[in-house]
Amino acid sequence: MQYKLLALRKEKNETQKDVAEMLGITEASYRNKENGKTQFKMNEMFCLASHYCHSIEEIFLPRKFTISEQKEKVRK
């Protein structure tokens, strides 16, 4: 889950659909990215950082691992 991104989006009263349209992706795709199911592309991260006037690091790092990534780390 991208908690910082979620908080910034809500502060601006933007919906997931609003941000998805800004990025040129579907609302479902954006939802999966915000929920941590899929990763944001680098160009999307730059766009969001610029839009919310924060650095990429402030918004996206450190990133919480998804459940599948956590399971993979345990197996190693």
N, C-alpha and C. Protein backbone atom coordinates (compact mmCIF):
# COMPACT_ATOMS: atom_id res chain seq x y z
N MET A 1 0.85 -1.18 0.00
CA MET A 1 0.00 0.00 0.00
C MET A 1 0.89 1.23 0.00
N GLN A 2 0.58 2.15 -0.85
CA GLN A 2 1.32 3.41 -0.94
C GLN A 2 0.62 4.43 -0.05
N TYR A 3 0.91 4.36 1.26
CA TYR A 3 0.20 5.19 2.24
C TYR A 3 0.43 6.68 2.03
N LYS A 4 1.65 7.07 1.74
CA LYS A 4 1.95 8.50 1.54
C LYS A 4 1.20 9.02 0.32
N LEU A 5 1.21 8.24 -0.76
CA LEU A 5 0.50 8.64 -1.97
C LEU A 5 -0.99 8.75 -1.72
N LEU A 6 -1.54 7.81 -1.01
CA LEU A 6 -2.96 7.84 -0.66
C LEU A 6 -3.29 9.10 0.12
N ALA A 7 -2.45 9.43 1.11
CA ALA A 7 -2.68 10.63 1.92
C ALA A 7 -2.61 11.89 1.08
N LEU A 8 -1.63 11.98 0.19
CA LEU A 8 -1.49 13.16 -0.67
C LEU A 8 -2.69 13.30 -1.60
N ARG A 9 -3.15 12.19 -2.16
CA ARG A 9 -4.31 12.22 -3.07
C ARG A 9 -5.54 12.70 -2.32
N LYS A 10 -5.74 12.19 -1.12
CA LYS A 10 -6.92 12.59 -0.34
C LYS A 10 -6.84 14.05 0.10
N GLU A 11 -5.62 14.54 0.42
CA GLU A 11 -5.46 15.95 0.79
C GLU A 11 -5.91 16.87 -0.34
N LYS A 12 -5.71 16.45 -1.58
CA LYS A 12 -6.11 17.25 -2.74
C LYS A 12 -7.53 16.94 -3.19
N ASN A 13 -8.22 16.09 -2.43
CA ASN A 13 -9.59 15.69 -2.79
C ASN A 13 -9.67 15.11 -4.20
N GLU A 14 -8.69 14.30 -4.55
CA GLU A 14 -8.68 13.66 -5.86
C GLU A 14 -9.11 12.21 -5.71
N THR A 15 -9.80 11.72 -6.71
CA THR A 15 -10.20 10.32 -6.73
C THR A 15 -9.13 9.51 -7.44
N GLN A 16 -9.22 8.21 -7.29
CA GLN A 16 -8.30 7.34 -8.02
C GLN A 16 -8.50 7.53 -9.53
N LYS A 17 -9.72 7.78 -9.93
CA LYS A 17 -10.01 8.02 -11.35
C LYS A 17 -9.31 9.29 -11.83
N ASP A 18 -9.33 10.34 -11.02
CA ASP A 18 -8.66 11.60 -11.39
C ASP A 18 -7.18 11.37 -11.65
N VAL A 19 -6.53 10.66 -10.74
CA VAL A 19 -5.09 10.44 -10.86
C VAL A 19 -4.80 9.49 -12.02
N ALA A 20 -5.62 8.47 -12.18
CA ALA A 20 -5.44 7.54 -13.30
C ALA A 20 -5.51 8.28 -14.63
N GLU A 21 -6.47 9.17 -14.78
CA GLU A 21 -6.59 9.94 -16.01
C GLU A 21 -5.37 10.82 -16.24
N MET A 22 -4.84 11.41 -15.16
CA MET A 22 -3.65 12.24 -15.27
C MET A 22 -2.46 11.40 -15.77
N LEU A 23 -2.38 10.15 -15.30
CA LEU A 23 -1.28 9.27 -15.69
C LEU A 23 -1.52 8.56 -17.03
N GLY A 24 -2.75 8.62 -17.51
CA GLY A 24 -3.08 7.96 -18.77
C GLY A 24 -3.22 6.45 -18.64
N ILE A 25 -3.70 6.00 -17.46
CA ILE A 25 -3.93 4.58 -17.23
C ILE A 25 -5.36 4.39 -16.74
N THR A 26 -5.79 3.15 -16.66
CA THR A 26 -7.15 2.90 -16.20
C THR A 26 -7.23 3.08 -14.68
N GLU A 27 -8.43 3.29 -14.21
CA GLU A 27 -8.65 3.43 -12.77
C GLU A 27 -8.26 2.14 -12.05
N ALA A 28 -8.59 1.00 -12.64
CA ALA A 28 -8.25 -0.30 -12.03
C ALA A 28 -6.73 -0.47 -11.93
N SER A 29 -6.03 -0.07 -12.97
CA SER A 29 -4.57 -0.16 -12.96
C SER A 29 -3.98 0.73 -11.86
N TYR A 30 -4.50 1.94 -11.75
CA TYR A 30 -4.02 2.85 -10.71
C TYR A 30 -4.32 2.27 -9.32
N ARG A 31 -5.52 1.74 -9.14
CA ARG A 31 -5.91 1.17 -7.85
C ARG A 31 -4.95 0.06 -7.44
N ASN A 32 -4.59 -0.81 -8.40
CA ASN A 32 -3.66 -1.89 -8.10
C ASN A 32 -2.29 -1.36 -7.70
N LYS A 33 -1.87 -0.28 -8.32
CA LYS A 33 -0.58 0.32 -8.00
C LYS A 33 -0.61 0.99 -6.63
N GLU A 34 -1.66 1.72 -6.35
CA GLU A 34 -1.77 2.39 -5.05
C GLU A 34 -1.88 1.37 -3.93
N ASN A 35 -2.54 0.25 -4.20
CA ASN A 35 -2.70 -0.80 -3.19
C ASN A 35 -1.48 -1.71 -3.07
N GLY A 36 -0.47 -1.50 -3.93
CA GLY A 36 0.75 -2.27 -3.84
C GLY A 36 0.72 -3.61 -4.56
N LYS A 37 -0.31 -3.85 -5.35
CA LYS A 37 -0.40 -5.12 -6.08
C LYS A 37 0.54 -5.12 -7.29
N THR A 38 0.71 -3.97 -7.90
CA THR A 38 1.66 -3.81 -9.00
C THR A 38 2.49 -2.56 -8.72
N GLN A 39 3.62 -2.45 -9.41
CA GLN A 39 4.51 -1.34 -9.16
C GLN A 39 4.26 -0.19 -10.15
N PHE A 40 4.52 1.02 -9.68
CA PHE A 40 4.46 2.18 -10.56
C PHE A 40 5.67 2.16 -11.48
N LYS A 41 5.47 2.62 -12.70
CA LYS A 41 6.58 2.81 -13.63
C LYS A 41 7.32 4.08 -13.22
N MET A 42 8.57 4.17 -13.61
CA MET A 42 9.39 5.31 -13.21
C MET A 42 8.78 6.63 -13.70
N ASN A 43 8.29 6.66 -14.93
CA ASN A 43 7.71 7.91 -15.44
C ASN A 43 6.46 8.31 -14.65
N GLU A 44 5.70 7.33 -14.16
CA GLU A 44 4.53 7.61 -13.34
C GLU A 44 4.95 8.19 -11.99
N MET A 45 6.04 7.65 -11.44
CA MET A 45 6.56 8.17 -10.17
C MET A 45 6.99 9.63 -10.31
N PHE A 46 7.69 9.94 -11.39
CA PHE A 46 8.12 11.33 -11.63
C PHE A 46 6.91 12.25 -11.79
N CYS A 47 5.92 11.79 -12.52
CA CYS A 47 4.71 12.59 -12.74
C CYS A 47 3.99 12.86 -11.41
N LEU A 48 3.85 11.83 -10.59
CA LEU A 48 3.17 11.99 -9.30
C LEU A 48 3.98 12.88 -8.35
N ALA A 49 5.29 12.71 -8.35
CA ALA A 49 6.14 13.54 -7.49
C ALA A 49 6.00 15.01 -7.88
N SER A 50 5.98 15.28 -9.16
CA SER A 50 5.81 16.65 -9.63
C SER A 50 4.42 17.18 -9.28
N HIS A 51 3.42 16.37 -9.50
CA HIS A 51 2.03 16.76 -9.25
C HIS A 51 1.81 17.11 -7.77
N TYR A 52 2.41 16.32 -6.87
CA TYR A 52 2.20 16.53 -5.44
C TYR A 52 3.32 17.36 -4.79
N CYS A 53 4.26 17.85 -5.60
CA CYS A 53 5.35 18.71 -5.12
C CYS A 53 6.16 18.05 -3.99
N HIS A 54 6.47 16.79 -4.18
CA HIS A 54 7.30 16.02 -3.26
C HIS A 54 8.32 15.25 -4.09
N SER A 55 9.40 14.83 -3.45
CA SER A 55 10.36 14.00 -4.16
C SER A 55 9.83 12.58 -4.26
N ILE A 56 10.38 11.84 -5.21
CA ILE A 56 10.00 10.43 -5.36
C ILE A 56 10.26 9.68 -4.06
N GLU A 57 11.40 9.98 -3.44
CA GLU A 57 11.77 9.30 -2.21
C GLU A 57 10.76 9.54 -1.09
N GLU A 58 10.24 10.75 -1.02
CA GLU A 58 9.26 11.07 0.02
C GLU A 58 7.97 10.30 -0.16
N ILE A 59 7.60 10.06 -1.40
CA ILE A 59 6.32 9.39 -1.68
C ILE A 59 6.47 7.88 -1.69
N PHE A 60 7.51 7.38 -2.35
CA PHE A 60 7.59 5.94 -2.63
C PHE A 60 8.59 5.15 -1.80
N LEU A 61 9.51 5.80 -1.11
CA LEU A 61 10.52 5.05 -0.37
C LEU A 61 10.48 5.41 1.10
N PRO A 62 10.72 4.50 2.02
CA PRO A 62 10.88 3.08 1.72
C PRO A 62 9.54 2.45 1.41
N ARG A 63 9.56 1.53 0.52
CA ARG A 63 8.34 0.88 0.04
C ARG A 63 8.08 -0.37 0.85
N LYS A 64 6.85 -0.56 1.25
CA LYS A 64 6.46 -1.79 1.94
C LYS A 64 6.44 -2.91 0.90
N PHE A 65 6.89 -4.07 1.27
CA PHE A 65 6.87 -5.21 0.35
C PHE A 65 5.46 -5.76 0.23
N THR A 66 5.16 -6.27 -0.96
CA THR A 66 3.87 -6.93 -1.15
C THR A 66 3.94 -8.30 -0.47
N ILE A 67 2.83 -8.93 -0.28
CA ILE A 67 2.78 -10.23 0.38
C ILE A 67 3.62 -11.25 -0.39
N SER A 68 3.52 -11.27 -1.72
CA SER A 68 4.29 -12.23 -2.51
C SER A 68 5.79 -11.98 -2.37
N GLU A 69 6.21 -10.72 -2.28
CA GLU A 69 7.63 -10.40 -2.10
C GLU A 69 8.11 -10.84 -0.73
N GLN A 70 7.27 -10.69 0.29
CA GLN A 70 7.63 -11.12 1.63
C GLN A 70 7.80 -12.64 1.66
N LYS A 71 6.89 -13.37 1.02
CA LYS A 71 6.97 -14.82 0.98
C LYS A 71 8.24 -15.27 0.27
N GLU A 72 8.60 -14.57 -0.80
CA GLU A 72 9.81 -14.90 -1.56
C GLU A 72 11.05 -14.71 -0.69
N LYS A 73 11.10 -13.65 0.09
CA LYS A 73 12.24 -13.41 0.97
C LYS A 73 12.37 -14.51 2.02
N VAL A 74 11.24 -15.01 2.52
CA VAL A 74 11.25 -16.05 3.53
C VAL A 74 11.78 -17.36 2.95
N ARG A 75 11.46 -17.64 1.69
CA ARG A 75 11.89 -18.88 1.03
C ARG A 75 13.40 -18.90 0.82
N LYS A 76 14.02 -17.75 0.68
CA LYS A 76 15.47 -17.69 0.37
C LYS A 76 16.29 -17.98 1.54
